[in-house]
Amino acid sequence: MFGIGMPELIIILIIILIIFGAGKLPQIGSGLGKGIKNFKKATTESQDEIAAPKEEEETVEDKT
């Protein structure tokens, strides 16, 4: 359906290089990496918070 091929990706990267320049690209890349890392951390923490009350309920039910 919708896919980005190699020629489109190269064009996008060239446009980004022209807009931001070579000096800013490492800063942009590290910022994106940190953002993705924080997003993954937040999603796993929220899944753990959802799973934790269920486990506590099961242990309470087992004690009774």
C-alpha atoms as a PDB file:
ATOM      1  CA  MET A   1       0.000   0.000   0.000  1.00  0.00           C
ATOM      2  CA  PHE A   2       2.137   2.883   1.258  1.00  0.00           C
ATOM      3  CA  GLY A   3       5.830   2.393   1.468  1.00  0.00           C
ATOM      4  CA  ILE A   4       8.887   4.562   1.364  1.00  0.00           C
ATOM      5  CA  GLY A   5      11.472   3.211  -1.013  1.00  0.00           C
ATOM      6  CA  MET A   6      15.158   3.983  -1.146  1.00  0.00           C
ATOM      7  CA  PRO A   7      14.900   6.889  -3.665  1.00  0.00           C
ATOM      8  CA  GLU A   8      12.255   8.652  -1.562  1.00  0.00           C
ATOM      9  CA  LEU A   9      14.300   8.151   1.601  1.00  0.00           C
ATOM     10  CA  ILE A  10      17.403   9.634  -0.028  1.00  0.00           C
ATOM     11  CA  ILE A  11      15.437  12.675  -1.214  1.00  0.00           C
ATOM     12  CA  ILE A  12      14.009  13.217   2.287  1.00  0.00           C
ATOM     13  CA  LEU A  13      17.479  12.941   3.851  1.00  0.00           C
ATOM     14  CA  ILE A  14      18.930  15.440   1.346  1.00  0.00           C
ATOM     15  CA  ILE A  15      16.135  17.919   2.110  1.00  0.00           C
ATOM     16  CA  ILE A  16      16.748  17.526   5.859  1.00  0.00           C
ATOM     17  CA  LEU A  17      20.486  18.060   5.291  1.00  0.00           C
ATOM     18  CA  ILE A  18      19.796  21.246   3.321  1.00  0.00           C
ATOM     19  CA  ILE A  19      17.360  22.611   5.924  1.00  0.00           C
ATOM     20  CA  PHE A  20      19.302  21.871   9.104  1.00  0.00           C
ATOM     21  CA  GLY A  21      22.895  21.617   7.896  1.00  0.00           C
ATOM     22  CA  ALA A  22      25.522  19.034   8.732  1.00  0.00           C
ATOM     23  CA  GLY A  23      26.290  20.508  12.173  1.00  0.00           C
ATOM     24  CA  LYS A  24      22.793  20.041  13.556  1.00  0.00           C
ATOM     25  CA  LEU A  25      22.199  16.480  12.352  1.00  0.00           C
ATOM     26  CA  PRO A  26      23.965  14.751  15.289  1.00  0.00           C
ATOM     27  CA  GLN A  27      21.960  16.860  17.754  1.00  0.00           C
ATOM     28  CA  ILE A  28      18.720  16.031  15.980  1.00  0.00           C
ATOM     29  CA  GLY A  29      19.603  12.321  15.892  1.00  0.00           C
ATOM     30  CA  SER A  30      20.449  12.184  19.588  1.00  0.00           C
ATOM     31  CA  GLY A  31      17.269  14.070  20.437  1.00  0.00           C
ATOM     32  CA  LEU A  32      15.186  11.610  18.432  1.00  0.00           C
ATOM     33  CA  GLY A  33      16.956   8.675  20.064  1.00  0.00           C
ATOM     34  CA  LYS A  34      16.310  10.025  23.560  1.00  0.00           C
ATOM     35  CA  GLY A  35      12.680  10.677  22.685  1.00  0.00           C
ATOM     36  CA  ILE A  36      12.143   7.140  21.413  1.00  0.00           C
ATOM     37  CA  LYS A  37      13.909   5.713  24.477  1.00  0.00           C
ATOM     38  CA  ASN A  38      11.690   7.722  26.831  1.00  0.00           C
ATOM     39  CA  PHE A  39       8.577   6.694  24.902  1.00  0.00           C
ATOM     40  CA  LYS A  40       9.453   2.993  25.141  1.00  0.00           C
ATOM     41  CA  LYS A  41      10.220   3.382  28.853  1.00  0.00           C
ATOM     42  CA  ALA A  42       6.885   5.091  29.468  1.00  0.00           C
ATOM     43  CA  THR A  43       4.916   2.408  27.627  1.00  0.00           C
ATOM     44  CA  THR A  44       6.589  -0.446  29.505  1.00  0.00           C
ATOM     45  CA  GLU A  45       6.062   1.343  32.844  1.00  0.00           C
ATOM     46  CA  SER A  46       2.372   1.809  32.090  1.00  0.00           C
ATOM     47  CA  GLN A  47       2.049  -1.880  31.174  1.00  0.00           C
ATOM     48  CA  ASP A  48       3.768  -2.818  34.443  1.00  0.00           C
ATOM     49  CA  GLU A  49       1.397  -0.568  36.403  1.00  0.00           C
ATOM     50  CA  ILE A  50      -1.593  -2.235  34.745  1.00  0.00           C
ATOM     51  CA  ALA A  51      -0.255  -5.725  35.434  1.00  0.00           C
ATOM     52  CA  ALA A  52       0.731  -5.040  39.065  1.00  0.00           C
ATOM     53  CA  PRO A  53      -2.806  -4.523  40.469  1.00  0.00           C
ATOM     54  CA  LYS A  54      -3.984  -7.729  38.779  1.00  0.00           C
ATOM     55  CA  GLU A  55      -1.179  -9.687  40.455  1.00  0.00           C
ATOM     56  CA  GLU A  56      -2.023  -8.131  43.823  1.00  0.00           C
ATOM     57  CA  GLU A  57      -5.688  -9.090  43.399  1.00  0.00           C
ATOM     58  CA  GLU A  58      -4.719 -12.695  42.644  1.00  0.00           C
ATOM     59  CA  THR A  59      -2.550 -12.940  45.756  1.00  0.00           C
ATOM     60  CA  VAL A  60      -5.307 -11.451  47.924  1.00  0.00           C
ATOM     61  CA  GLU A  61      -7.834 -13.945  46.507  1.00  0.00           C
ATOM     62  CA  ASP A  62      -5.428 -16.833  47.157  1.00  0.00           C
ATOM     63  CA  LYS A  63      -5.077 -15.850  50.837  1.00  0.00           C
ATOM     64  CA  THR A  64      -8.846 -15.945  51.443  1.00  0.00           C
END
